[in-house]
C-alpha atoms as a PDB file:
ATOM      1  CA  MET A   1     -25.033  -3.988  -3.252  1.00  0.00           C
ATOM      2  CA  ARG A   2     -22.739  -6.608  -1.714  1.00  0.00           C
ATOM      3  CA  THR A   3     -24.104  -8.248   1.435  1.00  0.00           C
ATOM      4  CA  LEU A   4     -22.108  -8.690   4.620  1.00  0.00           C
ATOM      5  CA  SER A   5     -21.836 -12.438   4.026  1.00  0.00           C
ATOM      6  CA  GLY A   6     -20.463 -11.735   0.567  1.00  0.00           C
ATOM      7  CA  GLN A   7     -17.898  -9.379   2.054  1.00  0.00           C
ATOM      8  CA  ALA A   8     -16.955 -12.033   4.572  1.00  0.00           C
ATOM      9  CA  ARG A   9     -16.357 -14.522   1.767  1.00  0.00           C
ATOM     10  CA  MET A  10     -14.285 -11.939  -0.056  1.00  0.00           C
ATOM     11  CA  ALA A  11     -12.183 -11.310   3.058  1.00  0.00           C
ATOM     12  CA  ASN A  12     -11.639 -15.039   3.549  1.00  0.00           C
ATOM     13  CA  GLY A  13     -10.559 -15.344  -0.050  1.00  0.00           C
ATOM     14  CA  ALA A  14      -8.095 -12.497   0.381  1.00  0.00           C
ATOM     15  CA  ARG A  15      -6.670 -14.167   3.465  1.00  0.00           C
ATOM     16  CA  THR A  16      -6.287 -17.543   1.700  1.00  0.00           C
ATOM     17  CA  ALA A  17      -4.488 -16.011  -1.273  1.00  0.00           C
ATOM     18  CA  CYS A  18      -2.195 -14.013   0.945  1.00  0.00           C
ATOM     19  CA  TYR A  19      -0.987 -17.021   2.903  1.00  0.00           C
ATOM     20  CA  ARG A  20       1.097 -18.032  -0.091  1.00  0.00           C
ATOM     21  CA  VAL A  21       3.277 -14.933  -0.053  1.00  0.00           C
ATOM     22  CA  LEU A  22       2.709 -12.910   3.120  1.00  0.00           C
ATOM     23  CA  LEU A  23       2.974 -13.502   6.837  1.00  0.00           C
ATOM     24  CA  ASP A  24      -0.207 -14.011   8.844  1.00  0.00           C
ATOM     25  CA  ALA A  25      -0.295 -10.554  10.407  1.00  0.00           C
ATOM     26  CA  PHE A  26      -0.163  -8.829   7.021  1.00  0.00           C
ATOM     27  CA  CYS A  27      -2.886 -11.078   5.616  1.00  0.00           C
ATOM     28  CA  ALA A  28      -5.092 -10.421   8.629  1.00  0.00           C
ATOM     29  CA  LEU A  29      -4.882  -6.689   7.932  1.00  0.00           C
ATOM     30  CA  ILE A  30      -6.007  -7.134   4.314  1.00  0.00           C
ATOM     31  CA  ALA A  31      -8.944  -9.294   5.376  1.00  0.00           C
ATOM     32  CA  THR A  32      -9.878  -6.775   8.081  1.00  0.00           C
ATOM     33  CA  VAL A  33      -9.824  -3.889   5.621  1.00  0.00           C
ATOM     34  CA  VAL A  34     -12.183  -5.739   3.266  1.00  0.00           C
ATOM     35  CA  LEU A  35     -14.576  -6.610   6.073  1.00  0.00           C
ATOM     36  CA  MET A  36     -14.658  -3.041   7.379  1.00  0.00           C
ATOM     37  CA  MET A  37     -15.464  -1.477   4.023  1.00  0.00           C
ATOM     38  CA  PRO A  38     -19.083  -0.309   3.827  1.00  0.00           C
ATOM     39  CA  ALA A  39     -21.277  -2.707   1.879  1.00  0.00           C
ATOM     40  CA  GLY A  40     -20.771  -2.338  -1.855  1.00  0.00           C
ATOM     41  CA  LEU A  41     -17.462  -0.497  -1.633  1.00  0.00           C
ATOM     42  CA  ALA A  42     -15.259  -3.514  -2.247  1.00  0.00           C
ATOM     43  CA  ALA A  43     -16.060  -3.011  -5.935  1.00  0.00           C
ATOM     44  CA  GLN A  44     -15.650   0.177  -7.937  1.00  0.00           C
ATOM     45  CA  GLN A  45     -18.771   2.326  -7.696  1.00  0.00           C
ATOM     46  CA  PRO A  46     -20.333   4.091 -10.674  1.00  0.00           C
ATOM     47  CA  GLY A  47     -19.380   7.751 -10.834  1.00  0.00           C
ATOM     48  CA  ILE A  48     -16.081   7.272  -8.977  1.00  0.00           C
ATOM     49  CA  ARG A  49     -13.015   8.387 -10.927  1.00  0.00           C
ATOM     50  CA  LYS A  50     -10.048   6.058 -10.618  1.00  0.00           C
ATOM     51  CA  ALA A  51      -6.734   7.285  -9.274  1.00  0.00           C
ATOM     52  CA  ASP A  52      -4.255   8.409 -11.922  1.00  0.00           C
ATOM     53  CA  LYS A  53      -1.159   6.210 -11.799  1.00  0.00           C
ATOM     54  CA  LYS A  54       0.703   8.525 -14.166  1.00  0.00           C
ATOM     55  CA  ALA A  55       0.218  11.454 -11.781  1.00  0.00           C
ATOM     56  CA  ILE A  56       1.550   9.393  -8.884  1.00  0.00           C
ATOM     57  CA  LEU A  57       4.564   8.230 -10.913  1.00  0.00           C
ATOM     58  CA  SER A  58       5.308  11.823 -11.928  1.00  0.00           C
ATOM     59  CA  CYS A  59       5.334  12.852  -8.270  1.00  0.00           C
ATOM     60  CA  ILE A  60       7.596   9.923  -7.366  1.00  0.00           C
ATOM     61  CA  ALA A  61      10.034  10.889 -10.132  1.00  0.00           C
ATOM     62  CA  THR A  62      10.281  14.393  -8.682  1.00  0.00           C
ATOM     63  CA  VAL A  63      10.893  13.003  -5.202  1.00  0.00           C
ATOM     64  CA  GLN A  64      13.585  10.647  -6.493  1.00  0.00           C
ATOM     65  CA  GLN A  65      15.344  13.470  -8.295  1.00  0.00           C
ATOM     66  CA  ILE A  66      15.582  15.363  -5.016  1.00  0.00           C
ATOM     67  CA  SER A  67      16.427  12.379  -2.840  1.00  0.00           C
ATOM     68  CA  ARG A  68      19.337  11.134  -4.967  1.00  0.00           C
ATOM     69  CA  GLN A  69      21.465  13.858  -3.406  1.00  0.00           C
ATOM     70  CA  LEU A  70      20.565  12.828   0.160  1.00  0.00           C
ATOM     71  CA  PRO A  71      21.666   9.960   2.456  1.00  0.00           C
ATOM     72  CA  ALA A  72      19.869   6.637   1.902  1.00  0.00           C
ATOM     73  CA  TYR A  73      17.911   6.932   5.148  1.00  0.00           C
ATOM     74  CA  GLY A  74      17.683  10.707   5.280  1.00  0.00           C
ATOM     75  CA  VAL A  75      14.442  12.519   6.065  1.00  0.00           C
ATOM     76  CA  LEU A  76      13.607  13.175   2.424  1.00  0.00           C
ATOM     77  CA  SER A  77      14.783   9.881   0.956  1.00  0.00           C
ATOM     78  CA  ASN A  78      11.792   8.010   2.377  1.00  0.00           C
ATOM     79  CA  GLY A  79       9.482  10.488   4.079  1.00  0.00           C
ATOM     80  CA  SER A  80       9.365  12.849   1.111  1.00  0.00           C
ATOM     81  CA  VAL A  81       7.217  10.363  -0.815  1.00  0.00           C
ATOM     82  CA  ASP A  82       4.470  11.311   1.642  1.00  0.00           C
ATOM     83  CA  LEU A  83       4.018  14.393  -0.536  1.00  0.00           C
ATOM     84  CA  CYS A  84       2.646  12.094  -3.225  1.00  0.00           C
ATOM     85  CA  LEU A  85       0.075  10.400  -1.006  1.00  0.00           C
ATOM     86  CA  PHE A  86      -3.710  10.810  -1.067  1.00  0.00           C
ATOM     87  CA  ALA A  87      -3.780  13.656  -3.595  1.00  0.00           C
ATOM     88  CA  GLU A  88      -5.572  11.334  -6.013  1.00  0.00           C
ATOM     89  CA  THR A  89      -8.021  10.261  -3.315  1.00  0.00           C
ATOM     90  CA  SER A  90      -8.747  13.903  -2.450  1.00  0.00           C
ATOM     91  CA  ARG A  91      -9.246  14.782  -6.129  1.00  0.00           C
ATOM     92  CA  CYS A  92     -11.595  11.858  -6.559  1.00  0.00           C
ATOM     93  CA  VAL A  93     -13.618  12.814  -3.486  1.00  0.00           C
ATOM     94  CA  SER A  94     -13.940  16.398  -4.750  1.00  0.00           C
ATOM     95  CA  ASP A  95     -15.088  15.201  -8.159  1.00  0.00           C
ATOM     96  CA  SER A  96     -17.398  12.432  -6.953  1.00  0.00           C
ATOM     97  CA  GLN A  97     -19.717  13.962  -4.378  1.00  0.00           C
ATOM     98  CA  SER A  98     -23.168  12.444  -4.650  1.00  0.00           C
ATOM     99  CA  PRO A  99     -26.385  12.672  -2.620  1.00  0.00           C
ATOM    100  CA  ASP A 100     -26.700   8.912  -3.131  1.00  0.00           C
ATOM    101  CA  ARG A 101     -23.571   8.176  -1.069  1.00  0.00           C
ATOM    102  CA  LEU A 102     -22.440   8.998   2.433  1.00  0.00           C
ATOM    103  CA  PRO A 103     -19.170  10.997   2.555  1.00  0.00           C
ATOM    104  CA  ARG A 104     -17.313   8.051   4.096  1.00  0.00           C
ATOM    105  CA  GLU A 105     -18.570   5.778   1.321  1.00  0.00           C
ATOM    106  CA  THR A 106     -17.263   8.189  -1.304  1.00  0.00           C
ATOM    107  CA  TRP A 107     -13.907   8.424   0.468  1.00  0.00           C
ATOM    108  CA  ALA A 108     -13.563   4.638   0.746  1.00  0.00           C
ATOM    109  CA  ALA A 109     -14.477   4.117  -2.911  1.00  0.00           C
ATOM    110  CA  CYS A 110     -11.959   6.785  -3.961  1.00  0.00           C
ATOM    111  CA  PHE A 111      -9.253   5.526  -1.630  1.00  0.00           C
ATOM    112  CA  GLN A 112      -9.272   1.896  -2.774  1.00  0.00           C
ATOM    113  CA  PRO A 113      -7.946   2.570  -6.318  1.00  0.00           C
ATOM    114  CA  GLU A 114      -5.076   4.637  -4.907  1.00  0.00           C
ATOM    115  CA  TYR A 115      -4.315   1.883  -2.381  1.00  0.00           C
ATOM    116  CA  ASP A 116      -4.173  -0.619  -5.243  1.00  0.00           C
ATOM    117  CA  ILE A 117      -1.717   1.576  -7.168  1.00  0.00           C
ATOM    118  CA  TRP A 118       0.703   1.855  -4.254  1.00  0.00           C
ATOM    119  CA  GLU A 119       0.468  -1.884  -3.652  1.00  0.00           C
ATOM    120  CA  GLU A 120       1.243  -2.502  -7.325  1.00  0.00           C
ATOM    121  CA  LEU A 121       4.171  -0.054  -7.261  1.00  0.00           C
ATOM    122  CA  LEU A 122       5.655  -1.797  -4.230  1.00  0.00           C
ATOM    123  CA  LYS A 123       5.390  -5.182  -5.950  1.00  0.00           C
ATOM    124  CA  GLU A 124       7.075  -3.753  -9.041  1.00  0.00           C
ATOM    125  CA  ALA A 125       9.878  -2.216  -6.949  1.00  0.00           C
ATOM    126  CA  TYR A 126      10.331  -5.508  -5.099  1.00  0.00           C
ATOM    127  CA  GLY A 127      10.591  -7.416  -8.384  1.00  0.00           C
ATOM    128  CA  SER A 128      13.127  -4.915  -9.678  1.00  0.00           C
ATOM    129  CA  MET A 129      15.208  -5.337  -6.523  1.00  0.00           C
ATOM    130  CA  VAL A 130      15.184  -9.112  -6.934  1.00  0.00           C
ATOM    131  CA  GLU A 131      16.502  -8.735 -10.486  1.00  0.00           C
ATOM    132  CA  LYS A 132      19.164  -6.212  -9.454  1.00  0.00           C
ATOM    133  CA  LEU A 133      20.350  -8.305  -6.518  1.00  0.00           C
ATOM    134  CA  SER A 134      20.460 -11.468  -8.597  1.00  0.00           C
ATOM    135  CA  LYS A 135      22.813  -9.713 -11.014  1.00  0.00           C
ATOM    136  CA  TYR A 136      24.753  -8.132  -8.138  1.00  0.00           C
ATOM    137  CA  ASP A 137      25.295 -11.515  -6.474  1.00  0.00           C
ATOM    138  CA  ARG A 138      26.536 -13.018  -9.746  1.00  0.00           C
ATOM    139  CA  GLU A 139      29.038 -10.204 -10.114  1.00  0.00           C
ATOM    140  CA  HIS A 140      30.047 -10.263  -6.425  1.00  0.00           C
ATOM    141  CA  PRO A 141      29.658 -13.882  -5.234  1.00  0.00           C
ATOM    142  CA  THR A 142      31.652 -13.479  -2.023  1.00  0.00           C
ATOM    143  CA  PRO A 143      31.495 -13.348   0.929  1.00  0.00           C
ATOM    144  CA  GLU A 144      27.743 -14.111   0.877  1.00  0.00           C
ATOM    145  CA  PRO A 145      24.773 -13.491  -1.435  1.00  0.00           C
ATOM    146  CA  ALA A 146      22.618 -10.451  -0.708  1.00  0.00           C
ATOM    147  CA  LEU A 147      19.356 -11.630  -2.307  1.00  0.00           C
ATOM    148  CA  PRO A 148      18.365 -14.194   0.369  1.00  0.00           C
ATOM    149  CA  LEU A 149      18.909 -11.593   3.091  1.00  0.00           C
ATOM    150  CA  PHE A 150      16.869  -9.056   1.149  1.00  0.00           C
ATOM    151  CA  GLU A 151      13.976 -11.511   0.897  1.00  0.00           C
ATOM    152  CA  ILE A 152      14.152 -12.176   4.651  1.00  0.00           C
ATOM    153  CA  ALA A 153      14.210  -8.427   5.306  1.00  0.00           C
ATOM    154  CA  HIS A 154      11.200  -7.895   3.058  1.00  0.00           C
ATOM    155  CA  ARG A 155       9.172 -10.586   4.821  1.00  0.00           C
ATOM    156  CA  ALA A 156      10.128  -9.063   8.168  1.00  0.00           C
ATOM    157  CA  TRP A 157       8.991  -5.666   6.894  1.00  0.00           C
ATOM    158  CA  GLU A 158       5.655  -7.139   5.774  1.00  0.00           C
ATOM    159  CA  ALA A 159       5.094  -8.615   9.230  1.00  0.00           C
ATOM    160  CA  TRP A 160       6.027  -5.360  10.947  1.00  0.00           C
ATOM    161  CA  ALA A 161       3.870  -3.239   8.621  1.00  0.00           C
ATOM    162  CA  GLY A 162       0.853  -5.460   9.206  1.00  0.00           C
ATOM    163  CA  VAL A 163       1.168  -5.244  12.987  1.00  0.00           C
ATOM    164  CA  GLU A 164       1.927  -1.511  12.887  1.00  0.00           C
ATOM    165  CA  CYS A 165      -1.274  -0.786  10.968  1.00  0.00           C
ATOM    166  CA  GLU A 166      -3.302  -3.139  13.162  1.00  0.00           C
ATOM    167  CA  TYR A 167      -2.043  -1.022  16.077  1.00  0.00           C
ATOM    168  CA  GLU A 168      -3.161   2.174  14.336  1.00  0.00           C
ATOM    169  CA  ARG A 169      -6.578   0.614  13.762  1.00  0.00           C
ATOM    170  CA  ALA A 170      -6.831  -0.460  17.403  1.00  0.00           C
ATOM    171  CA  LEU A 171      -6.193   3.112  18.567  1.00  0.00           C
ATOM    172  CA  VAL A 172      -9.391   4.204  16.816  1.00  0.00           C
ATOM    173  CA  LYS A 173     -11.422   1.778  18.946  1.00  0.00           C
ATOM    174  CA  GLY A 174     -13.813   0.690  16.216  1.00  0.00           C
ATOM    175  CA  GLY A 175     -16.216   2.682  14.095  1.00  0.00           C
ATOM    176  CA  SER A 176     -16.000   3.802  10.480  1.00  0.00           C
ATOM    177  CA  ASP A 177     -12.591   5.422  11.022  1.00  0.00           C
ATOM    178  CA  SER A 178     -10.982   2.028  11.623  1.00  0.00           C
ATOM    179  CA  PHE A 179     -10.829   1.327   7.886  1.00  0.00           C
ATOM    180  CA  ARG A 180      -9.375   4.782   7.241  1.00  0.00           C
ATOM    181  CA  ALA A 181      -6.723   4.371   9.963  1.00  0.00           C
ATOM    182  CA  SER A 182      -5.460   0.963   8.849  1.00  0.00           C
ATOM    183  CA  GLY A 183      -5.711   1.684   5.129  1.00  0.00           C
ATOM    184  CA  THR A 184      -3.902   5.025   5.180  1.00  0.00           C
ATOM    185  CA  CYS A 185      -1.252   3.583   7.480  1.00  0.00           C
ATOM    186  CA  MET A 186      -0.514   0.808   4.993  1.00  0.00           C
ATOM    187  CA  VAL A 187      -0.345   3.207   2.044  1.00  0.00           C
ATOM    188  CA  VAL A 188       2.224   5.362   3.868  1.00  0.00           C
ATOM    189  CA  LEU A 189       4.383   2.351   4.753  1.00  0.00           C
ATOM    190  CA  MET A 190       4.121   0.792   1.276  1.00  0.00           C
ATOM    191  CA  ALA A 191       5.043   4.087  -0.407  1.00  0.00           C
ATOM    192  CA  ARG A 192       8.081   4.631   1.803  1.00  0.00           C
ATOM    193  CA  ARG A 193       9.290   1.063   1.301  1.00  0.00           C
ATOM    194  CA  MET A 194       8.716   1.344  -2.433  1.00  0.00           C
ATOM    195  CA  LEU A 195      10.838   4.507  -2.644  1.00  0.00           C
ATOM    196  CA  HIS A 196      13.577   2.848  -0.620  1.00  0.00           C
ATOM    197  CA  TYR A 197      13.688  -0.043  -3.102  1.00  0.00           C
ATOM    198  CA  ARG A 198      13.577   2.235  -6.133  1.00  0.00           C
ATOM    199  CA  SER A 199      16.464   4.261  -4.702  1.00  0.00           C
ATOM    200  CA  SER A 200      18.649   1.231  -3.905  1.00  0.00           C
ATOM    201  CA  LEU A 201      21.493  -0.097  -6.042  1.00  0.00           C
END
């Protein structure tokens, strides 16, 4: 089982790596989430089923099919992806109950793989947008390129999302629910941003 000092080192490492690509507020949230995980939950626990990325992608595809017929910032174009959130965590929790773990430990261990999937999907959507905008700017060079503004907007979103989820965590006023509040907040925001990117251009 990982000790608190080990978790602290892990959090510091996460913060250092993040500095290269994210603003300070977003990095602070990642480090805080790692520190607030119960000891041993930073790594995958035996008996915990990983989230199914294919199931999440199937849900996203259904949402996109519906949202293509709606305005870019309509209720369903971003918020509808919420229908795809946490189903994998709930399935994992149902399948992974154990007398050797506290319920919150099981939830945290099940939640982390789903968090990682949404983070990966956002990175993929961001990379796809960069490629699309690079091509778009080559085809439409005037009056100004769109890609640099997109990158500024994305960094601004990262900063806002980090502070927004820190605020959600602060409302809990400490305790084991702090990790749940900040983590679920970030998943919701990442998923909505991801769908916005996937639906653009």
